[in-house]
């Protein structure tokens, strides 16, 4: 499902127009991104948790040259599915 299909589905399930549904979806995504950028965790009960994990610097390998390369530390956005979401997905 892409963004347009999701907007359409939101519109079908609510009394919102497609334009209003798109505005709400965009605001939701922006709010999650802003919270993660500030180092906060976003927990949506029954759905899951978005958070940022710190990845340590490490030595890797260039697959073409087999040369060792230094991979710097970085922040990785992650999503952990909640119990309810896992159960629903595994029923189908």
PDB file of N, CA and C in Angstrom:
ATOM      1  N   UNK A   1       0.850  -1.170   0.000  1.00  0.00           N
ATOM      2  CA  UNK A   1       0.000   0.000   0.000  1.00  0.00           C
ATOM      3  C   UNK A   1       0.901   1.239   0.000  1.00  0.00           C
ATOM      4  N   UNK A   2       0.625   2.161  -0.908  1.00  0.00           N
ATOM      5  CA  UNK A   2       1.388   3.402  -0.943  1.00  0.00           C
ATOM      6  C   UNK A   2       0.626   4.510  -0.216  1.00  0.00           C
ATOM      7  N   UNK A   3       1.207   5.710  -0.210  1.00  0.00           N
ATOM      8  CA  UNK A   3       0.613   6.821   0.545  1.00  0.00           C
ATOM      9  C   UNK A   3      -0.783   7.174   0.031  1.00  0.00           C
ATOM     10  N   UNK A   4      -0.953   7.236  -1.283  1.00  0.00           N
ATOM     11  CA  UNK A   4      -2.259   7.593  -1.856  1.00  0.00           C
ATOM     12  C   UNK A   4      -3.322   6.563  -1.477  1.00  0.00           C
ATOM     13  N   UNK A   5      -2.956   5.293  -1.489  1.00  0.00           N
ATOM     14  CA  UNK A   5      -3.898   4.240  -1.111  1.00  0.00           C
ATOM     15  C   UNK A   5      -4.246   4.329   0.378  1.00  0.00           C
ATOM     16  N   UNK A   6      -3.258   4.662   1.199  1.00  0.00           N
ATOM     17  CA  UNK A   6      -3.506   4.814   2.631  1.00  0.00           C
ATOM     18  C   UNK A   6      -4.433   6.003   2.892  1.00  0.00           C
ATOM     19  N   UNK A   7      -4.197   7.109   2.205  1.00  0.00           N
ATOM     20  CA  UNK A   7      -5.065   8.287   2.340  1.00  0.00           C
ATOM     21  C   UNK A   7      -6.490   7.921   1.959  1.00  0.00           C
ATOM     22  N   UNK A   8      -6.645   7.179   0.877  1.00  0.00           N
ATOM     23  CA  UNK A   8      -7.966   6.758   0.416  1.00  0.00           C
ATOM     24  C   UNK A   8      -8.648   5.865   1.455  1.00  0.00           C
ATOM     25  N   UNK A   9      -7.886   4.959   2.041  1.00  0.00           N
ATOM     26  CA  UNK A   9      -8.439   4.054   3.054  1.00  0.00           C
ATOM     27  C   UNK A   9      -8.866   4.830   4.306  1.00  0.00           C
ATOM     28  N   UNK A  10      -8.056   5.800   4.719  1.00  0.00           N
ATOM     29  CA  UNK A  10      -8.412   6.636   5.875  1.00  0.00           C
ATOM     30  C   UNK A  10      -9.698   7.391   5.584  1.00  0.00           C
ATOM     31  N   UNK A  11      -9.791   7.931   4.380  1.00  0.00           N
ATOM     32  CA  UNK A  11     -10.984   8.678   3.976  1.00  0.00           C
ATOM     33  C   UNK A  11     -12.223   7.787   3.998  1.00  0.00           C
ATOM     34  N   UNK A  12     -12.077   6.548   3.528  1.00  0.00           N
ATOM     35  CA  UNK A  12     -13.198   5.603   3.508  1.00  0.00           C
ATOM     36  C   UNK A  12     -13.667   5.234   4.922  1.00  0.00           C
ATOM     37  N   UNK A  13     -12.725   5.139   5.873  1.00  0.00           N
ATOM     38  CA  UNK A  13     -13.062   4.701   7.229  1.00  0.00           C
ATOM     39  C   UNK A  13     -13.506   5.841   8.139  1.00  0.00           C
ATOM     40  N   UNK A  14     -13.350   7.075   7.678  1.00  0.00           N
ATOM     41  CA  UNK A  14     -13.731   8.234   8.490  1.00  0.00           C
ATOM     42  C   UNK A  14     -14.662   9.130   7.682  1.00  0.00           C
ATOM     43  N   UNK A  15     -15.055  10.211   8.271  1.00  0.00           N
ATOM     44  CA  UNK A  15     -15.878  11.177   7.538  1.00  0.00           C
ATOM     45  C   UNK A  15     -15.005  12.262   6.908  1.00  0.00           C
ATOM     46  N   UNK A  16     -13.680  12.062   6.908  1.00  0.00           N
ATOM     47  CA  UNK A  16     -12.760  13.044   6.339  1.00  0.00           C
ATOM     48  C   UNK A  16     -12.731  12.950   4.822  1.00  0.00           C
ATOM     49  N   UNK A  17     -12.496  14.081   4.184  1.00  0.00           N
ATOM     50  CA  UNK A  17     -12.260  14.071   2.739  1.00  0.00           C
ATOM     51  C   UNK A  17     -10.856  13.520   2.517  1.00  0.00           C
ATOM     52  N   UNK A  18     -10.534  13.198   1.274  1.00  0.00           N
ATOM     53  CA  UNK A  18      -9.183  12.709   0.978  1.00  0.00           C
ATOM     54  C   UNK A  18      -8.145  13.781   1.301  1.00  0.00           C
ATOM     55  N   UNK A  19      -8.481  15.029   1.016  1.00  0.00           N
ATOM     56  CA  UNK A  19      -7.551  16.124   1.308  1.00  0.00           C
ATOM     57  C   UNK A  19      -7.300  16.229   2.812  1.00  0.00           C
ATOM     58  N   UNK A  20      -8.369  16.163   3.610  1.00  0.00           N
ATOM     59  CA  UNK A  20      -8.215  16.218   5.067  1.00  0.00           C
ATOM     60  C   UNK A  20      -7.463  14.992   5.591  1.00  0.00           C
ATOM     61  N   UNK A  21      -7.727  13.838   5.007  1.00  0.00           N
ATOM     62  CA  UNK A  21      -7.035  12.609   5.409  1.00  0.00           C
ATOM     63  C   UNK A  21      -5.541  12.731   5.137  1.00  0.00           C
ATOM     64  N   UNK A  22      -5.199  13.322   4.003  1.00  0.00           N
ATOM     65  CA  UNK A  22      -3.789  13.505   3.657  1.00  0.00           C
ATOM     66  C   UNK A  22      -3.114  14.474   4.636  1.00  0.00           C
ATOM     67  N   UNK A  23      -3.826  15.530   5.020  1.00  0.00           N
ATOM     68  CA  UNK A  23      -3.290  16.499   5.985  1.00  0.00           C
ATOM     69  C   UNK A  23      -3.035  15.820   7.330  1.00  0.00           C
ATOM     70  N   UNK A  24      -3.981  15.004   7.779  1.00  0.00           N
ATOM     71  CA  UNK A  24      -3.834  14.296   9.058  1.00  0.00           C
ATOM     72  C   UNK A  24      -2.670  13.306   8.994  1.00  0.00           C
ATOM     73  N   UNK A  25      -2.570  12.557   7.906  1.00  0.00           N
ATOM     74  CA  UNK A  25      -1.480  11.590   7.754  1.00  0.00           C
ATOM     75  C   UNK A  25      -0.132  12.303   7.752  1.00  0.00           C
ATOM     76  N   UNK A  26      -0.041  13.390   7.002  1.00  0.00           N
ATOM     77  CA  UNK A  26       1.211  14.144   6.932  1.00  0.00           C
ATOM     78  C   UNK A  26       1.592  14.683   8.309  1.00  0.00           C
ATOM     79  N   UNK A  27       0.625  15.226   9.045  1.00  0.00           N
ATOM     80  CA  UNK A  27       0.890  15.761  10.383  1.00  0.00           C
ATOM     81  C   UNK A  27       1.330  14.654  11.338  1.00  0.00           C
ATOM     82  N   UNK A  28       0.729  13.475  11.206  1.00  0.00           N
ATOM     83  CA  UNK A  28       1.096  12.338  12.055  1.00  0.00           C
ATOM     84  C   UNK A  28       2.538  11.923  11.799  1.00  0.00           C
ATOM     85  N   UNK A  29       2.883  11.778  10.527  1.00  0.00           N
ATOM     86  CA  UNK A  29       4.247  11.374  10.168  1.00  0.00           C
ATOM     87  C   UNK A  29       5.250  12.428  10.627  1.00  0.00           C
ATOM     88  N   UNK A  30       4.949  13.701  10.385  1.00  0.00           N
ATOM     89  CA  UNK A  30       5.851  14.778  10.808  1.00  0.00           C
ATOM     90  C   UNK A  30       6.039  14.776  12.323  1.00  0.00           C
ATOM     91  N   UNK A  31       4.977  14.532  13.061  1.00  0.00           N
ATOM     92  CA  UNK A  31       5.065  14.508  14.526  1.00  0.00           C
ATOM     93  C   UNK A  31       5.943  13.361  15.010  1.00  0.00           C
ATOM     94  N   UNK A  32       5.824  12.209  14.384  1.00  0.00           N
ATOM     95  CA  UNK A  32       6.661  11.058  14.747  1.00  0.00           C
ATOM     96  C   UNK A  32       8.120  11.360  14.432  1.00  0.00           C
ATOM     97  N   UNK A  33       8.377  11.910  13.246  1.00  0.00           N
ATOM     98  CA  UNK A  33       9.748  12.241  12.837  1.00  0.00           C
ATOM     99  C   UNK A  33      10.361  13.267  13.789  1.00  0.00           C
ATOM    100  N   UNK A  34       9.612  14.299  14.135  1.00  0.00           N
ATOM    101  CA  UNK A  34      10.115  15.328  15.058  1.00  0.00           C
ATOM    102  C   UNK A  34      10.446  14.731  16.422  1.00  0.00           C
ATOM    103  N   UNK A  35       9.582  13.871  16.926  1.00  0.00           N
ATOM    104  CA  UNK A  35       9.827  13.240  18.226  1.00  0.00           C
ATOM    105  C   UNK A  35      11.095  12.389  18.181  1.00  0.00           C
ATOM    106  N   UNK A  36      11.272  11.621  17.118  1.00  0.00           N
ATOM    107  CA  UNK A  36      12.466  10.784  16.991  1.00  0.00           C
ATOM    108  C   UNK A  36      13.721  11.642  16.873  1.00  0.00           C
ATOM    109  N   UNK A  37      13.639  12.741  16.121  1.00  0.00           N
ATOM    110  CA  UNK A  37      14.781  13.637  15.956  1.00  0.00           C
ATOM    111  C   UNK A  37      15.199  14.256  17.290  1.00  0.00           C
ATOM    112  N   UNK A  38      14.242  14.434  18.196  1.00  0.00           N
ATOM    113  CA  UNK A  38      14.528  14.983  19.523  1.00  0.00           C
ATOM    114  C   UNK A  38      14.961  13.899  20.511  1.00  0.00           C
ATOM    115  N   UNK A  39      15.024  12.657  20.045  1.00  0.00           N
ATOM    116  CA  UNK A  39      15.459  11.560  20.902  1.00  0.00           C
ATOM    117  C   UNK A  39      14.347  10.911  21.694  1.00  0.00           C
ATOM    118  N   UNK A  40      13.110  11.283  21.402  1.00  0.00           N
ATOM    119  CA  UNK A  40      11.970  10.700  22.112  1.00  0.00           C
ATOM    120  C   UNK A  40      11.530   9.389  21.468  1.00  0.00           C
ATOM    121  N   UNK A  41      10.805   8.614  22.222  1.00  0.00           N
ATOM    122  CA  UNK A  41      10.217   7.360  21.766  1.00  0.00           C
ATOM    123  C   UNK A  41       8.734   7.627  21.545  1.00  0.00           C
ATOM    124  N   UNK A  42       8.150   7.029  20.497  1.00  0.00           N
ATOM    125  CA  UNK A  42       6.722   7.192  20.217  1.00  0.00           C
ATOM    126  C   UNK A  42       6.057   5.831  20.366  1.00  0.00           C
ATOM    127  N   UNK A  43       5.194   5.694  21.382  1.00  0.00           N
ATOM    128  CA  UNK A  43       4.501   4.436  21.639  1.00  0.00           C
ATOM    129  C   UNK A  43       3.037   4.592  21.267  1.00  0.00           C
ATOM    130  N   UNK A  44       2.575   3.737  20.373  1.00  0.00           N
ATOM    131  CA  UNK A  44       1.173   3.721  19.971  1.00  0.00           C
ATOM    132  C   UNK A  44       0.588   2.406  20.465  1.00  0.00           C
ATOM    133  N   UNK A  45      -0.186   2.484  21.520  1.00  0.00           N
ATOM    134  CA  UNK A  45      -0.732   1.302  22.178  1.00  0.00           C
ATOM    135  C   UNK A  45      -1.465   0.405  21.185  1.00  0.00           C
ATOM    136  N   UNK A  46      -1.140  -0.869  21.189  1.00  0.00           N
ATOM    137  CA  UNK A  46      -1.769  -1.832  20.299  1.00  0.00           C
ATOM    138  C   UNK A  46      -1.148  -1.879  18.919  1.00  0.00           C
ATOM    139  N   UNK A  47      -0.250  -0.935  18.622  1.00  0.00           N
ATOM    140  CA  UNK A  47       0.373  -0.891  17.295  1.00  0.00           C
ATOM    141  C   UNK A  47       1.863  -1.174  17.384  1.00  0.00           C
ATOM    142  N   UNK A  48       2.588  -0.328  18.114  1.00  0.00           N
ATOM    143  CA  UNK A  48       4.020  -0.542  18.243  1.00  0.00           C
ATOM    144  C   UNK A  48       4.743   0.696  18.728  1.00  0.00           C
ATOM    145  N   UNK A  49       6.081   0.613  18.702  1.00  0.00           N
ATOM    146  CA  UNK A  49       6.924   1.680  19.220  1.00  0.00           C
ATOM    147  C   UNK A  49       7.975   2.080  18.196  1.00  0.00           C
ATOM    148  N   UNK A  50       8.047   3.381  17.949  1.00  0.00           N
ATOM    149  CA  UNK A  50       9.108   3.952  17.125  1.00  0.00           C
ATOM    150  C   UNK A  50      10.149   4.508  18.088  1.00  0.00           C
ATOM    151  N   UNK A  51      11.424   4.221  17.839  1.00  0.00           N
ATOM    152  CA  UNK A  51      12.478   4.798  18.659  1.00  0.00           C
ATOM    153  C   UNK A  51      13.776   4.861  17.871  1.00  0.00           C
ATOM    154  N   UNK A  52      14.754   5.551  18.436  1.00  0.00           N
ATOM    155  CA  UNK A  52      16.059   5.688  17.796  1.00  0.00           C
ATOM    156  C   UNK A  52      17.070   4.931  18.637  1.00  0.00           C
ATOM    157  N   UNK A  53      17.851   4.082  17.976  1.00  0.00           N
ATOM    158  CA  UNK A  53      18.888   3.330  18.678  1.00  0.00           C
ATOM    159  C   UNK A  53      20.247   3.806  18.184  1.00  0.00           C
ATOM    160  N   UNK A  54      21.194   3.897  19.114  1.00  0.00           N
ATOM    161  CA  UNK A  54      22.558   4.285  18.760  1.00  0.00           C
ATOM    162  C   UNK A  54      23.319   3.055  18.300  1.00  0.00           C
ATOM    163  N   UNK A  55      23.938   3.160  17.144  1.00  0.00           N
ATOM    164  CA  UNK A  55      24.773   2.077  16.620  1.00  0.00           C
ATOM    165  C   UNK A  55      26.228   2.483  16.788  1.00  0.00           C
ATOM    166  N   UNK A  56      27.026   1.613  17.356  1.00  0.00           N
ATOM    167  CA  UNK A  56      28.428   1.913  17.621  1.00  0.00           C
ATOM    168  C   UNK A  56      29.244   1.873  16.331  1.00  0.00           C
ATOM    169  N   UNK A  57      30.359   2.597  16.354  1.00  0.00           N
ATOM    170  CA  UNK A  57      31.297   2.545  15.233  1.00  0.00           C
ATOM    171  C   UNK A  57      31.860   1.127  15.163  1.00  0.00           C
ATOM    172  N   UNK A  58      32.158   0.702  13.949  1.00  0.00           N
ATOM    173  CA  UNK A  58      32.703  -0.648  13.796  1.00  0.00           C
ATOM    174  C   UNK A  58      33.510  -0.734  12.509  1.00  0.00           C
ATOM    175  N   UNK A  59      34.222  -1.820  12.379  1.00  0.00           N
ATOM    176  CA  UNK A  59      34.993  -2.068  11.167  1.00  0.00           C
ATOM    177  C   UNK A  59      34.170  -2.981  10.272  1.00  0.00           C
ATOM    178  N   UNK A  60      34.039  -2.587   9.009  1.00  0.00           N
ATOM    179  CA  UNK A  60      33.321  -3.398   8.034  1.00  0.00           C
ATOM    180  C   UNK A  60      34.229  -3.730   6.867  1.00  0.00           C
ATOM    181  N   UNK A  61      33.682  -4.327   5.847  1.00  0.00           N
ATOM    182  CA  UNK A  61      34.456  -4.668   4.647  1.00  0.00           C
ATOM    183  C   UNK A  61      33.736  -4.189   3.406  1.00  0.00           C
ATOM    184  N   UNK A  62      34.510  -3.648   2.478  1.00  0.00           N
ATOM    185  CA  UNK A  62      33.983  -3.297   1.167  1.00  0.00           C
ATOM    186  C   UNK A  62      33.830  -4.609   0.402  1.00  0.00           C
ATOM    187  N   UNK A  63      32.618  -4.989   0.000  1.00  0.00           N
ATOM    188  CA  UNK A  63      32.426  -6.286  -0.653  1.00  0.00           C
ATOM    189  C   UNK A  63      33.133  -6.415  -2.006  1.00  0.00           C
ATOM    190  N   UNK A  64      33.375  -5.304  -2.678  1.00  0.00           N
ATOM    191  CA  UNK A  64      34.047  -5.372  -3.987  1.00  0.00           C
ATOM    192  C   UNK A  64      35.550  -5.573  -3.844  1.00  0.00           C
ATOM    193  N   UNK A  65      36.164  -4.833  -2.898  1.00  0.00           N
ATOM    194  CA  UNK A  65      37.625  -4.870  -2.774  1.00  0.00           C
ATOM    195  C   UNK A  65      38.098  -5.690  -1.578  1.00  0.00           C
ATOM    196  N   UNK A  66      37.186  -6.083  -0.717  1.00  0.00           N
ATOM    197  CA  UNK A  66      37.497  -6.808   0.515  1.00  0.00           C
ATOM    198  C   UNK A  66      38.364  -5.976   1.470  1.00  0.00           C
ATOM    199  N   UNK A  67      38.424  -4.674   1.215  1.00  0.00           N
ATOM    200  CA  UNK A  67      39.208  -3.767   2.046  1.00  0.00           C
ATOM    201  C   UNK A  67      38.420  -3.424   3.311  1.00  0.00           C
ATOM    202  N   UNK A  68      39.126  -3.346   4.445  1.00  0.00           N
ATOM    203  CA  UNK A  68      38.474  -2.947   5.691  1.00  0.00           C
ATOM    204  C   UNK A  68      38.134  -1.468   5.629  1.00  0.00           C
ATOM    205  N   UNK A  69      36.940  -1.131   6.107  1.00  0.00           N
ATOM    206  CA  UNK A  69      36.535   0.271   6.167  1.00  0.00           C
ATOM    207  C   UNK A  69      35.969   0.554   7.554  1.00  0.00           C
ATOM    208  N   UNK A  70      36.125   1.791   7.987  1.00  0.00           N
ATOM    209  CA  UNK A  70      35.609   2.198   9.289  1.00  0.00           C
ATOM    210  C   UNK A  70      34.187   2.716   9.094  1.00  0.00           C
ATOM    211  N   UNK A  71      33.233   2.103   9.768  1.00  0.00           N
ATOM    212  CA  UNK A  71      31.839   2.550   9.724  1.00  0.00           C
ATOM    213  C   UNK A  71      31.612   3.379  10.984  1.00  0.00           C
ATOM    214  N   UNK A  72      31.299   4.670  10.819  1.00  0.00           N
ATOM    215  CA  UNK A  72      31.138   5.534  11.997  1.00  0.00           C
ATOM    216  C   UNK A  72      29.868   5.204  12.779  1.00  0.00           C
ATOM    217  N   UNK A  73      29.810   5.669  14.025  1.00  0.00           N
ATOM    218  CA  UNK A  73      28.583   5.468  14.804  1.00  0.00           C
ATOM    219  C   UNK A  73      27.469   6.290  14.172  1.00  0.00           C
ATOM    220  N   UNK A  74      26.248   5.822  14.346  1.00  0.00           N
ATOM    221  CA  UNK A  74      25.100   6.526  13.776  1.00  0.00           C
ATOM    222  C   UNK A  74      23.844   6.176  14.554  1.00  0.00           C
ATOM    223  N   UNK A  75      22.801   6.942  14.314  1.00  0.00           N
ATOM    224  CA  UNK A  75      21.508   6.708  14.956  1.00  0.00           C
ATOM    225  C   UNK A  75      20.596   5.997  13.956  1.00  0.00           C
ATOM    226  N   UNK A  76      19.938   4.936  14.409  1.00  0.00           N
ATOM    227  CA  UNK A  76      19.083   4.116  13.552  1.00  0.00           C
ATOM    228  C   UNK A  76      17.643   4.186  14.033  1.00  0.00           C
ATOM    229  N   UNK A  77      16.732   4.769  13.222  1.00  0.00           N
ATOM    230  CA  UNK A  77      15.321   4.728  13.607  1.00  0.00           C
ATOM    231  C   UNK A  77      14.814   3.287  13.514  1.00  0.00           C
ATOM    232  N   UNK A  78      14.067   2.853  14.513  1.00  0.00           N
ATOM    233  CA  UNK A  78      13.553   1.486  14.517  1.00  0.00           C
ATOM    234  C   UNK A  78      12.068   1.473  14.862  1.00  0.00           C
ATOM    235  N   UNK A  79      11.420   0.381  14.489  1.00  0.00           N
ATOM    236  CA  UNK A  79      10.021   0.161  14.849  1.00  0.00           C
ATOM    237  C   UNK A  79       9.908  -1.235  15.417  1.00  0.00           C
ATOM    238  N   UNK A  80       9.278  -1.337  16.576  1.00  0.00           N
ATOM    239  CA  UNK A  80       9.036  -2.641  17.198  1.00  0.00           C
ATOM    240  C   UNK A  80       7.526  -2.828  17.275  1.00  0.00           C
ATOM    241  N   UNK A  81       7.035  -3.840  16.586  1.00  0.00           N
ATOM    242  CA  UNK A  81       5.594  -4.100  16.546  1.00  0.00           C
ATOM    243  C   UNK A  81       5.080  -4.483  17.928  1.00  0.00           C
ATOM    244  N   UNK A  82       3.893  -3.991  18.253  1.00  0.00           N
ATOM    245  CA  UNK A  82       3.245  -4.318  19.518  1.00  0.00           C
ATOM    246  C   UNK A  82       2.588  -5.687  19.462  1.00  0.00           C
ATOM    247  N   UNK A  83       2.234  -6.198  20.612  1.00  0.00           N
ATOM    248  CA  UNK A  83       1.636  -7.529  20.734  1.00  0.00           C
ATOM    249  C   UNK A  83       0.377  -7.663  19.879  1.00  0.00           C
ATOM    250  N   UNK A  84      -0.499  -6.670  19.939  1.00  0.00           N
ATOM    251  CA  UNK A  84      -1.754  -6.707  19.192  1.00  0.00           C
ATOM    252  C   UNK A  84      -1.501  -6.793  17.681  1.00  0.00           C
ATOM    253  N   UNK A  85      -0.576  -5.974  17.180  1.00  0.00           N
ATOM    254  CA  UNK A  85      -0.244  -5.987  15.752  1.00  0.00           C
ATOM    255  C   UNK A  85       0.323  -7.344  15.343  1.00  0.00           C
ATOM    256  N   UNK A  86       1.217  -7.885  16.149  1.00  0.00           N
ATOM    257  CA  UNK A  86       1.802  -9.198  15.849  1.00  0.00           C
ATOM    258  C   UNK A  86       0.727 -10.275  15.772  1.00  0.00           C
ATOM    259  N   UNK A  87      -0.211 -10.240  16.720  1.00  0.00           N
ATOM    260  CA  UNK A  87      -1.282 -11.246  16.734  1.00  0.00           C
ATOM    261  C   UNK A  87      -2.156 -11.138  15.489  1.00  0.00           C
ATOM    262  N   UNK A  88      -2.520  -9.921  15.103  1.00  0.00           N
ATOM    263  CA  UNK A  88      -3.378  -9.725  13.928  1.00  0.00           C
ATOM    264  C   UNK A  88      -2.673 -10.191  12.660  1.00  0.00           C
ATOM    265  N   UNK A  89      -1.399  -9.848  12.516  1.00  0.00           N
ATOM    266  CA  UNK A  89      -0.638 -10.236  11.323  1.00  0.00           C
ATOM    267  C   UNK A  89      -0.491 -11.752  11.246  1.00  0.00           C
ATOM    268  N   UNK A  90      -0.280 -12.395  12.369  1.00  0.00           N
ATOM    269  CA  UNK A  90      -0.073 -13.841  12.373  1.00  0.00           C
ATOM    270  C   UNK A  90      -1.353 -14.644  12.215  1.00  0.00           C
ATOM    271  N   UNK A  91      -2.521 -13.997  12.350  1.00  0.00           N
ATOM    272  CA  UNK A  91      -3.790 -14.692  12.138  1.00  0.00           C
ATOM    273  C   UNK A  91      -4.064 -14.907  10.658  1.00  0.00           C
ATOM    274  N   UNK A  92      -3.512 -14.067   9.808  1.00  0.00           N
ATOM    275  CA  UNK A  92      -3.832 -14.116   8.369  1.00  0.00           C
ATOM    276  C   UNK A  92      -2.861 -14.928   7.582  1.00  0.00           C
TER     277      UNK A  92
END
